[in-house]
Amino acid sequence: RAFARQAYEVDKFERDNRSKYDQGKRLLMMSALYWPITDVICFTQV
């Protein structure tokens, strides 16, 4: 507050939060791909 850097810190937090969101999205996508791929392999085999 003394250096009037509220806007800068808000932007920094949003960048870090967005980066966490992107990392979580990649992790979720990779996890979501696993089940369909293994299901296709298994059902094809059956």
All heavy atoms as atom14 arrays in JSON, in Angstrom:
{
  "sequence": "RAFARQAYEVDKFERDNRSKYDQGKRLLMMSALYWPITDVICFTQV",
  "atom14_mask": [
    [1, 1, 1, 1, 1, 1, 1, 1, 1, 1, 1, 0, 0, 0],
    [1, 1, 1, 1, 1, 0, 0, 0, 0, 0, 0, 0, 0, 0],
    [1, 1, 1, 1, 1, 1, 1, 1, 1, 1, 1, 0, 0, 0],
    [1, 1, 1, 1, 1, 0, 0, 0, 0, 0, 0, 0, 0, 0],
    [1, 1, 1, 1, 1, 1, 1, 1, 1, 1, 1, 0, 0, 0],
    [1, 1, 1, 1, 1, 1, 1, 1, 1, 0, 0, 0, 0, 0],
    [1, 1, 1, 1, 1, 0, 0, 0, 0, 0, 0, 0, 0, 0],
    [1, 1, 1, 1, 1, 1, 1, 1, 1, 1, 1, 1, 0, 0],
    [1, 1, 1, 1, 1, 1, 1, 1, 1, 0, 0, 0, 0, 0],
    [1, 1, 1, 1, 1, 1, 1, 0, 0, 0, 0, 0, 0, 0],
    [1, 1, 1, 1, 1, 1, 1, 1, 0, 0, 0, 0, 0, 0],
    [1, 1, 1, 1, 1, 1, 1, 1, 1, 0, 0, 0, 0, 0],
    [1, 1, 1, 1, 1, 1, 1, 1, 1, 1, 1, 0, 0, 0],
    [1, 1, 1, 1, 1, 1, 1, 1, 1, 0, 0, 0, 0, 0],
    [1, 1, 1, 1, 1, 1, 1, 1, 1, 1, 1, 0, 0, 0],
    [1, 1, 1, 1, 1, 1, 1, 1, 0, 0, 0, 0, 0, 0],
    [1, 1, 1, 1, 1, 1, 1, 1, 0, 0, 0, 0, 0, 0],
    [1, 1, 1, 1, 1, 1, 1, 1, 1, 1, 1, 0, 0, 0],
    [1, 1, 1, 1, 1, 1, 0, 0, 0, 0, 0, 0, 0, 0],
    [1, 1, 1, 1, 1, 1, 1, 1, 1, 0, 0, 0, 0, 0],
    [1, 1, 1, 1, 1, 1, 1, 1, 1, 1, 1, 1, 0, 0],
    [1, 1, 1, 1, 1, 1, 1, 1, 0, 0, 0, 0, 0, 0],
    [1, 1, 1, 1, 1, 1, 1, 1, 1, 0, 0, 0, 0, 0],
    [1, 1, 1, 1, 0, 0, 0, 0, 0, 0, 0, 0, 0, 0],
    [1, 1, 1, 1, 1, 1, 1, 1, 1, 0, 0, 0, 0, 0],
    [1, 1, 1, 1, 1, 1, 1, 1, 1, 1, 1, 0, 0, 0],
    [1, 1, 1, 1, 1, 1, 1, 1, 0, 0, 0, 0, 0, 0],
    [1, 1, 1, 1, 1, 1, 1, 1, 0, 0, 0, 0, 0, 0],
    [1, 1, 1, 1, 1, 1, 1, 1, 0, 0, 0, 0, 0, 0],
    [1, 1, 1, 1, 1, 1, 1, 1, 0, 0, 0, 0, 0, 0],
    [1, 1, 1, 1, 1, 1, 0, 0, 0, 0, 0, 0, 0, 0],
    [1, 1, 1, 1, 1, 0, 0, 0, 0, 0, 0, 0, 0, 0],
    [1, 1, 1, 1, 1, 1, 1, 1, 0, 0, 0, 0, 0, 0],
    [1, 1, 1, 1, 1, 1, 1, 1, 1, 1, 1, 1, 0, 0],
    [1, 1, 1, 1, 1, 1, 1, 1, 1, 1, 1, 1, 1, 1],
    [1, 1, 1, 1, 1, 1, 1, 0, 0, 0, 0, 0, 0, 0],
    [1, 1, 1, 1, 1, 1, 1, 1, 0, 0, 0, 0, 0, 0],
    [1, 1, 1, 1, 1, 1, 1, 0, 0, 0, 0, 0, 0, 0],
    [1, 1, 1, 1, 1, 1, 1, 1, 0, 0, 0, 0, 0, 0],
    [1, 1, 1, 1, 1, 1, 1, 0, 0, 0, 0, 0, 0, 0],
    [1, 1, 1, 1, 1, 1, 1, 1, 0, 0, 0, 0, 0, 0],
    [1, 1, 1, 1, 1, 1, 0, 0, 0, 0, 0, 0, 0, 0],
    [1, 1, 1, 1, 1, 1, 1, 1, 1, 1, 1, 0, 0, 0],
    [1, 1, 1, 1, 1, 1, 1, 0, 0, 0, 0, 0, 0, 0],
    [1, 1, 1, 1, 1, 1, 1, 1, 1, 0, 0, 0, 0, 0],
    [1, 1, 1, 1, 1, 1, 1, 0, 0, 0, 0, 0, 0, 0]
  ],
  "atom14_positions": [
    [[0.83, -1.21, 0.0], [0.0, 0.0, 0.0], [0.86, 1.26, 0.0], [0.5, 2.26, -0.63], [-0.92, -0.02, 1.22], [-1.95, -1.14, 1.18], [-2.7, -1.28, 2.48], [-3.49, -0.1, 2.78], [-4.16, 0.08, 3.92], [-4.13, -0.86, 4.85], [-4.85, 1.17, 4.12], [0.0, 0.0, 0.0], [0.0, 0.0, 0.0], [0.0, 0.0, 0.0]],
    [[2.0, 1.21, 0.72], [2.86, 2.39, 0.79], [3.42, 2.77, -0.57], [3.61, 3.95, -0.87], [4.0, 2.14, 1.79], [0.0, 0.0, 0.0], [0.0, 0.0, 0.0], [0.0, 0.0, 0.0], [0.0, 0.0, 0.0], [0.0, 0.0, 0.0], [0.0, 0.0, 0.0], [0.0, 0.0, 0.0], [0.0, 0.0, 0.0], [0.0, 0.0, 0.0]],
    [[3.7, 1.77, -1.41], [4.25, 2.03, -2.73], [3.2, 1.97, -3.83], [3.54, 1.99, -5.01], [5.38, 1.03, -3.05], [6.64, 1.28, -2.28], [6.85, 0.68, -1.04], [7.62, 2.13, -2.77], [8.02, 0.9, -0.32], [8.78, 2.36, -2.06], [8.98, 1.74, -0.83], [0.0, 0.0, 0.0], [0.0, 0.0, 0.0], [0.0, 0.0, 0.0]],
    [[1.92, 1.89, -3.41], [0.8, 1.88, -4.35], [0.99, 0.8, -5.42], [0.83, 1.04, -6.62], [0.64, 3.25, -5.01], [0.0, 0.0, 0.0], [0.0, 0.0, 0.0], [0.0, 0.0, 0.0], [0.0, 0.0, 0.0], [0.0, 0.0, 0.0], [0.0, 0.0, 0.0], [0.0, 0.0, 0.0], [0.0, 0.0, 0.0], [0.0, 0.0, 0.0]],
    [[1.31, -0.42, -4.99], [1.58, -1.51, -5.91], [0.45, -2.55, -5.88], [0.66, -3.72, -6.25], [2.9, -2.18, -5.55], [4.11, -1.27, -5.66], [4.46, -1.0, -7.1], [5.18, -2.11, -7.69], [5.55, -2.15, -8.95], [5.21, -1.17, -9.77], [6.21, -3.19, -9.43], [0.0, 0.0, 0.0], [0.0, 0.0, 0.0], [0.0, 0.0, 0.0]],
    [[-0.75, -2.12, -5.5], [-1.86, -3.07, -5.43], [-2.13, -3.71, -6.79], [-2.3, -4.93, -6.9], [-3.13, -2.38, -4.91], [-3.06, -1.96, -3.45], [-2.61, -0.53, -3.28], [-1.81, -0.04, -4.07], [-3.12, 0.15, -2.26], [0.0, 0.0, 0.0], [0.0, 0.0, 0.0], [0.0, 0.0, 0.0], [0.0, 0.0, 0.0], [0.0, 0.0, 0.0]],
    [[-2.2, -2.87, -7.84], [-2.51, -3.39, -9.17], [-1.44, -4.38, -9.63], [-1.75, -5.42, -10.23], [-2.64, -2.24, -10.16], [0.0, 0.0, 0.0], [0.0, 0.0, 0.0], [0.0, 0.0, 0.0], [0.0, 0.0, 0.0], [0.0, 0.0, 0.0], [0.0, 0.0, 0.0], [0.0, 0.0, 0.0], [0.0, 0.0, 0.0], [0.0, 0.0, 0.0]],
    [[-0.17, -4.06, -9.35], [0.92, -4.96, -9.75], [0.8, -6.3, -9.05], [0.96, -7.36, -9.68], [2.27, -4.31, -9.42], [3.45, -5.24, -9.56], [4.01, -5.5, -10.81], [3.99, -5.88, -8.44], [5.08, -6.37, -10.94], [5.06, -6.75, -8.57], [5.6, -6.98, -9.81], [6.66, -7.86, -9.93], [0.0, 0.0, 0.0], [0.0, 0.0, 0.0]],
    [[0.52, -6.27, -7.74], [0.42, -7.52, -6.98], [-0.8, -8.34, -7.4], [-0.76, -9.57, -7.41], [0.38, -7.23, -5.47], [1.67, -6.66, -4.9], [2.85, -7.61, -5.04], [2.63, -8.82, -5.19], [4.0, -7.13, -5.01], [0.0, 0.0, 0.0], [0.0, 0.0, 0.0], [0.0, 0.0, 0.0], [0.0, 0.0, 0.0], [0.0, 0.0, 0.0]],
    [[-1.9, -7.64, -7.73], [-3.08, -8.35, -8.23], [-2.77, -9.06, -9.54], [-3.12, -10.23, -9.75], [-4.27, -7.38, -8.4], [-5.4, -8.05, -9.17], [-4.77, -6.91, -7.04], [0.0, 0.0, 0.0], [0.0, 0.0, 0.0], [0.0, 0.0, 0.0], [0.0, 0.0, 0.0], [0.0, 0.0, 0.0], [0.0, 0.0, 0.0], [0.0, 0.0, 0.0]],
    [[-2.08, -8.35, -10.44], [-1.69, -8.96, -11.72], [-0.75, -10.15, -11.5], [-0.87, -11.19, -12.17], [-1.02, -7.92, -12.62], [-1.99, -6.86, -13.11], [-3.21, -7.13, -13.08], [-1.53, -5.78, -13.52], [0.0, 0.0, 0.0], [0.0, 0.0, 0.0], [0.0, 0.0, 0.0], [0.0, 0.0, 0.0], [0.0, 0.0, 0.0], [0.0, 0.0, 0.0]],
    [[0.2, -9.99, -10.57], [1.14, -11.07, -10.29], [0.41, -12.3, -9.74], [0.67, -13.44, -10.14], [2.2, -10.61, -9.29], [3.29, -11.65, -9.01], [4.34, -11.06, -8.08], [5.49, -12.04, -7.88], [5.05, -13.3, -7.25], [0.0, 0.0, 0.0], [0.0, 0.0, 0.0], [0.0, 0.0, 0.0], [0.0, 0.0, 0.0], [0.0, 0.0, 0.0]],
    [[-0.54, -12.06, -8.84], [-1.31, -13.18, -8.29], [-2.13, -13.86, -9.38], [-2.23, -15.09, -9.43], [-2.23, -12.68, -7.17], [-3.1, -13.76, -6.58], [-2.61, -14.6, -5.62], [-4.41, -13.92, -7.01], [-3.39, -15.61, -5.08], [-5.2, -14.91, -6.48], [-4.7, -15.76, -5.51], [0.0, 0.0, 0.0], [0.0, 0.0, 0.0], [0.0, 0.0, 0.0]],
    [[-2.72, -13.06, -10.26], [-3.53, -13.64, -11.33], [-2.66, -14.46, -12.3], [-3.09, -15.51, -12.79], [-4.26, -12.52, -12.09], [-5.39, -11.89, -11.27], [-6.13, -10.82, -12.06], [-5.65, -10.46, -13.15], [-7.18, -10.36, -11.58], [0.0, 0.0, 0.0], [0.0, 0.0, 0.0], [0.0, 0.0, 0.0], [0.0, 0.0, 0.0], [0.0, 0.0, 0.0]],
    [[-1.42, -13.99, -12.56], [-0.52, -14.76, -13.42], [-0.17, -16.1, -12.77], [-0.18, -17.14, -13.42], [0.75, -13.95, -13.73], [0.53, -12.78, -14.67], [1.87, -12.29, -15.2], [2.78, -11.9, -14.13], [2.83, -10.67, -13.61], [2.02, -9.72, -14.06], [3.7, -10.39, -12.65], [0.0, 0.0, 0.0], [0.0, 0.0, 0.0], [0.0, 0.0, 0.0]],
    [[0.17, -16.05, -11.48], [0.51, -17.29, -10.79], [-0.7, -18.22, -10.7], [-0.57, -19.44, -10.84], [1.03, -16.98, -9.38], [2.39, -16.29, -9.41], [3.1, -16.44, -10.41], [2.74, -15.61, -8.42], [0.0, 0.0, 0.0], [0.0, 0.0, 0.0], [0.0, 0.0, 0.0], [0.0, 0.0, 0.0], [0.0, 0.0, 0.0], [0.0, 0.0, 0.0]],
    [[-1.86, -17.63, -10.47], [-3.08, -18.44, -10.37], [-3.41, -19.06, -11.73], [-3.81, -20.23, -11.83], [-4.24, -17.57, -9.88], [-5.36, -18.41, -9.3], [-5.17, -19.55, -8.92], [-6.54, -17.83, -9.21], [0.0, 0.0, 0.0], [0.0, 0.0, 0.0], [0.0, 0.0, 0.0], [0.0, 0.0, 0.0], [0.0, 0.0, 0.0], [0.0, 0.0, 0.0]],
    [[-3.25, -18.27, -12.8], [-3.5, -18.78, -14.15], [-2.52, -19.9, -14.49], [-2.88, -20.9, -15.12], [-3.37, -17.64, -15.16], [-3.36, -18.06, -16.62], [-4.61, -18.82, -17.04], [-5.8, -17.99, -16.94], [-7.0, -18.38, -17.32], [-7.16, -19.61, -17.83], [-8.05, -17.59, -17.19], [0.0, 0.0, 0.0], [0.0, 0.0, 0.0], [0.0, 0.0, 0.0]],
    [[-1.25, -19.74, -14.07], [-0.25, -20.77, -14.33], [-0.61, -22.06, -13.6], [-0.48, -23.16, -14.17], [1.13, -20.29, -13.88], [2.11, -21.26, -14.12], [0.0, 0.0, 0.0], [0.0, 0.0, 0.0], [0.0, 0.0, 0.0], [0.0, 0.0, 0.0], [0.0, 0.0, 0.0], [0.0, 0.0, 0.0], [0.0, 0.0, 0.0], [0.0, 0.0, 0.0]],
    [[-1.1, -21.94, -12.35], [-1.53, -23.13, -11.63], [-2.72, -23.79, -12.35], [-2.8, -25.02, -12.46], [-1.91, -22.77, -10.2], [-2.39, -23.96, -9.39], [-2.91, -23.55, -8.03], [-3.51, -24.77, -7.31], [-4.07, -24.42, -6.0], [0.0, 0.0, 0.0], [0.0, 0.0, 0.0], [0.0, 0.0, 0.0], [0.0, 0.0, 0.0], [0.0, 0.0, 0.0]],
    [[-3.64, -22.96, -12.82], [-4.8, -23.48, -13.56], [-4.35, -24.24, -14.81], [-4.85, -25.33, -15.1], [-5.72, -22.33, -13.93], [-6.79, -22.7, -14.94], [-7.94, -23.39, -14.56], [-6.65, -22.36, -16.29], [-8.91, -23.73, -15.48], [-7.61, -22.7, -17.22], [-8.74, -23.38, -16.81], [-9.7, -23.72, -17.72], [0.0, 0.0, 0.0], [0.0, 0.0, 0.0]],
    [[-3.4, -23.66, -15.55], [-2.91, -24.31, -16.77], [-2.22, -25.64, -16.45], [-2.41, -26.63, -17.17], [-1.95, -23.38, -17.51], [-2.65, -22.16, -18.08], [-3.88, -22.22, -18.28], [-1.98, -21.13, -18.31], [0.0, 0.0, 0.0], [0.0, 0.0, 0.0], [0.0, 0.0, 0.0], [0.0, 0.0, 0.0], [0.0, 0.0, 0.0], [0.0, 0.0, 0.0]],
    [[-1.4, -25.64, -15.38], [-0.74, -26.89, -14.99], [-1.77, -27.94, -14.58], [-1.65, -29.13, -14.94], [0.24, -26.63, -13.83], [1.4, -25.71, -14.17], [2.43, -26.39, -15.05], [2.35, -27.58, -15.33], [3.41, -25.62, -15.52], [0.0, 0.0, 0.0], [0.0, 0.0, 0.0], [0.0, 0.0, 0.0], [0.0, 0.0, 0.0], [0.0, 0.0, 0.0]],
    [[-2.78, -27.53, -13.83], [-3.82, -28.46, -13.42], [-4.63, -28.97, -14.6], [-5.05, -30.14, -14.62], [0.0, 0.0, 0.0], [0.0, 0.0, 0.0], [0.0, 0.0, 0.0], [0.0, 0.0, 0.0], [0.0, 0.0, 0.0], [0.0, 0.0, 0.0], [0.0, 0.0, 0.0], [0.0, 0.0, 0.0], [0.0, 0.0, 0.0], [0.0, 0.0, 0.0]],
    [[-4.85, -28.09, -15.57], [-5.6, -28.49, -16.76], [-4.83, -29.55, -17.55], [-5.41, -30.54, -18.02], [-5.87, -27.27, -17.64], [-6.76, -27.54, -18.84], [-7.02, -26.26, -19.61], [-7.9, -26.54, -20.84], [-8.16, -25.29, -21.6], [0.0, 0.0, 0.0], [0.0, 0.0, 0.0], [0.0, 0.0, 0.0], [0.0, 0.0, 0.0], [0.0, 0.0, 0.0]],
    [[-3.52, -29.35, -17.71], [-2.7, -30.34, -18.43], [-2.74, -31.69, -17.7], [-2.83, -32.75, -18.33], [-1.27, -29.85, -18.56], [-1.1, -28.61, -19.42], [0.37, -28.32, -19.68], [0.54, -27.03, -20.32], [0.88, -25.92, -19.67], [1.1, -25.96, -18.35], [1.01, -24.78, -20.31], [0.0, 0.0, 0.0], [0.0, 0.0, 0.0], [0.0, 0.0, 0.0]],
    [[-2.62, -31.61, -16.35], [-2.66, -32.84, -15.56], [-4.0, -33.55, -15.72], [-4.06, -34.78, -15.89], [-2.39, -32.51, -14.09], [-2.4, -33.67, -13.11], [-1.28, -34.66, -13.43], [-2.27, -33.16, -11.67], [0.0, 0.0, 0.0], [0.0, 0.0, 0.0], [0.0, 0.0, 0.0], [0.0, 0.0, 0.0], [0.0, 0.0, 0.0], [0.0, 0.0, 0.0]],
    [[-5.09, -32.79, -15.67], [-6.42, -33.37, -15.8], [-6.64, -33.96, -17.19], [-7.23, -35.05, -17.34], [-7.47, -32.3, -15.51], [-8.94, -32.77, -15.46], [-9.11, -33.8, -14.35], [-9.87, -31.59, -15.24], [0.0, 0.0, 0.0], [0.0, 0.0, 0.0], [0.0, 0.0, 0.0], [0.0, 0.0, 0.0], [0.0, 0.0, 0.0], [0.0, 0.0, 0.0]],
    [[-6.14, -33.27, -18.21], [-6.28, -33.77, -19.58], [-5.52, -35.08, -19.76], [-6.01, -36.03, -20.39], [-5.78, -32.73, -20.57], [-6.68, -31.51, -20.71], [-8.27, -31.91, -21.44], [-7.75, -32.38, -23.09], [0.0, 0.0, 0.0], [0.0, 0.0, 0.0], [0.0, 0.0, 0.0], [0.0, 0.0, 0.0], [0.0, 0.0, 0.0], [0.0, 0.0, 0.0]],
    [[-4.32, -35.14, -19.2], [-3.54, -36.36, -19.31], [-4.23, -37.52, -18.59], [-4.28, -38.65, -19.09], [-2.14, -36.13, -18.73], [-1.19, -37.3, -18.89], [-0.87, -37.73, -20.62], [-0.09, -36.22, -21.2], [0.0, 0.0, 0.0], [0.0, 0.0, 0.0], [0.0, 0.0, 0.0], [0.0, 0.0, 0.0], [0.0, 0.0, 0.0], [0.0, 0.0, 0.0]],
    [[-4.78, -37.22, -17.42], [-5.49, -38.26, -16.67], [-6.75, -38.69, -17.4], [-7.12, -39.87, -17.42], [-5.83, -37.74, -15.27], [-6.54, -38.71, -14.52], [0.0, 0.0, 0.0], [0.0, 0.0, 0.0], [0.0, 0.0, 0.0], [0.0, 0.0, 0.0], [0.0, 0.0, 0.0], [0.0, 0.0, 0.0], [0.0, 0.0, 0.0], [0.0, 0.0, 0.0]],
    [[-7.44, -37.72, -18.04], [-8.68, -38.03, -18.76], [-8.41, -38.84, -20.02], [-9.26, -39.61, -20.46], [-9.41, -36.72, -19.12], [0.0, 0.0, 0.0], [0.0, 0.0, 0.0], [0.0, 0.0, 0.0], [0.0, 0.0, 0.0], [0.0, 0.0, 0.0], [0.0, 0.0, 0.0], [0.0, 0.0, 0.0], [0.0, 0.0, 0.0], [0.0, 0.0, 0.0]],
    [[-7.23, -38.68, -20.62], [-6.9, -39.44, -21.82], [-6.58, -40.89, -21.51], [-6.78, -41.78, -22.36], [-5.68, -38.8, -22.53], [-5.95, -37.55, -23.36], [-4.62, -36.96, -23.83], [-6.84, -37.87, -24.55], [0.0, 0.0, 0.0], [0.0, 0.0, 0.0], [0.0, 0.0, 0.0], [0.0, 0.0, 0.0], [0.0, 0.0, 0.0], [0.0, 0.0, 0.0]],
    [[-6.1, -41.14, -20.31], [-5.64, -42.49, -19.98], [-6.78, -43.5, -20.07], [-6.63, -44.57, -20.68], [-5.03, -42.51, -18.57], [-4.67, -43.9, -18.1], [-3.53, -44.52, -18.57], [-5.49, -44.59, -17.21], [-3.2, -45.81, -18.17], [-5.16, -45.88, -16.81], [-4.02, -46.48, -17.28], [-3.71, -47.74, -16.88], [0.0, 0.0, 0.0], [0.0, 0.0, 0.0]],
    [[-7.92, -43.18, -19.46], [-9.02, -44.15, -19.41], [-9.59, -44.46, -20.8], [-9.8, -45.64, -21.13], [-10.11, -43.66, -18.46], [-9.72, -43.82, -17.03], [-9.4, -42.85, -16.15], [-9.57, -45.06, -16.33], [-9.05, -43.39, -14.94], [-9.16, -44.76, -15.01], [-9.74, -46.4, -16.69], [-8.92, -45.74, -14.06], [-9.52, -47.38, -15.74], [-9.1, -47.03, -14.44]],
    [[-9.89, -43.49, -21.64], [-10.4, -43.84, -22.97], [-9.43, -44.69, -23.78], [-9.84, -45.63, -24.47], [-10.62, -42.47, -23.63], [-10.82, -41.54, -22.5], [-9.93, -42.04, -21.41], [0.0, 0.0, 0.0], [0.0, 0.0, 0.0], [0.0, 0.0, 0.0], [0.0, 0.0, 0.0], [0.0, 0.0, 0.0], [0.0, 0.0, 0.0], [0.0, 0.0, 0.0]],
    [[-8.13, -44.35, -23.7], [-7.15, -45.11, -24.49], [-7.08, -46.56, -24.02], [-7.11, -47.5, -24.83], [-5.77, -44.43, -24.41], [-5.8, -43.09, -25.17], [-4.69, -45.34, -24.98], [-4.54, -42.3, -25.06], [0.0, 0.0, 0.0], [0.0, 0.0, 0.0], [0.0, 0.0, 0.0], [0.0, 0.0, 0.0], [0.0, 0.0, 0.0], [0.0, 0.0, 0.0]],
    [[-6.98, -46.77, -22.7], [-6.91, -48.15, -22.2], [-8.22, -48.89, -22.43], [-8.22, -50.11, -22.67], [-6.56, -48.15, -20.71], [-7.49, -47.31, -19.99], [-5.14, -47.64, -20.48], [0.0, 0.0, 0.0], [0.0, 0.0, 0.0], [0.0, 0.0, 0.0], [0.0, 0.0, 0.0], [0.0, 0.0, 0.0], [0.0, 0.0, 0.0], [0.0, 0.0, 0.0]],
    [[-9.34, -48.15, -22.35], [-10.63, -48.8, -22.63], [-10.7, -49.28, -24.08], [-11.19, -50.38, -24.36], [-11.78, -47.83, -22.34], [-12.08, -47.72, -20.86], [-11.58, -48.57, -20.1], [-12.8, -46.79, -20.45], [0.0, 0.0, 0.0], [0.0, 0.0, 0.0], [0.0, 0.0, 0.0], [0.0, 0.0, 0.0], [0.0, 0.0, 0.0], [0.0, 0.0, 0.0]],
    [[-10.24, -48.45, -25.01], [-10.25, -48.84, -26.43], [-9.4, -50.08, -26.64], [-9.8, -51.02, -27.35], [-9.76, -47.67, -27.31], [-9.47, -48.16, -28.73], [-10.78, -46.55, -27.33], [0.0, 0.0, 0.0], [0.0, 0.0, 0.0], [0.0, 0.0, 0.0], [0.0, 0.0, 0.0], [0.0, 0.0, 0.0], [0.0, 0.0, 0.0], [0.0, 0.0, 0.0]],
    [[-8.18, -50.1, -26.0], [-7.29, -51.25, -26.15], [-7.96, -52.52, -25.6], [-7.98, -53.58, -26.24], [-5.95, -51.0, -25.44], [-5.2, -49.84, -26.11], [-5.09, -52.26, -25.45], [-3.94, -49.43, -25.38], [0.0, 0.0, 0.0], [0.0, 0.0, 0.0], [0.0, 0.0, 0.0], [0.0, 0.0, 0.0], [0.0, 0.0, 0.0], [0.0, 0.0, 0.0]],
    [[-8.54, -52.39, -24.39], [-9.13, -53.56, -23.75], [-10.37, -54.06, -24.51], [-10.54, -55.27, -24.74], [-9.49, -53.24, -22.3], [-8.05, -52.97, -21.24], [0.0, 0.0, 0.0], [0.0, 0.0, 0.0], [0.0, 0.0, 0.0], [0.0, 0.0, 0.0], [0.0, 0.0, 0.0], [0.0, 0.0, 0.0], [0.0, 0.0, 0.0], [0.0, 0.0, 0.0]],
    [[-11.26, -53.13, -24.88], [-12.48, -53.54, -25.58], [-12.17, -54.1, -26.97], [-12.83, -55.04, -27.44], [-13.46, -52.38, -25.7], [-14.22, -52.12, -24.43], [-14.1, -50.91, -23.76], [-15.08, -53.1, -23.92], [-14.8, -50.68, -22.59], [-15.78, -52.87, -22.75], [-15.65, -51.66, -22.08], [0.0, 0.0, 0.0], [0.0, 0.0, 0.0], [0.0, 0.0, 0.0]],
    [[-11.16, -53.55, -27.63], [-10.75, -54.1, -28.91], [-10.26, -55.53, -28.75], [-10.58, -56.42, -29.57], [-9.63, -53.23, -29.54], [-10.11, -51.9, -29.72], [-9.19, -53.81, -30.87], [0.0, 0.0, 0.0], [0.0, 0.0, 0.0], [0.0, 0.0, 0.0], [0.0, 0.0, 0.0], [0.0, 0.0, 0.0], [0.0, 0.0, 0.0], [0.0, 0.0, 0.0]],
    [[-9.49, -55.74, -27.69], [-8.99, -57.09, -27.42], [-10.15, -58.06, -27.15], [-10.19, -59.18, -27.68], [-8.03, -57.06, -26.24], [-7.41, -58.4, -25.91], [-6.45, -58.86, -27.0], [-5.67, -58.05, -27.51], [-6.52, -60.11, -27.39], [0.0, 0.0, 0.0], [0.0, 0.0, 0.0], [0.0, 0.0, 0.0], [0.0, 0.0, 0.0], [0.0, 0.0, 0.0]],
    [[-11.11, -57.63, -26.32], [-12.24, -58.49, -25.97], [-13.09, -58.81, -27.2], [-13.47, -59.97, -27.44], [-13.1, -57.82, -24.88], [-14.41, -58.6, -24.66], [-12.32, -57.74, -23.58], [0.0, 0.0, 0.0], [0.0, 0.0, 0.0], [0.0, 0.0, 0.0], [0.0, 0.0, 0.0], [0.0, 0.0, 0.0], [0.0, 0.0, 0.0], [0.0, 0.0, 0.0]]
  ]
}
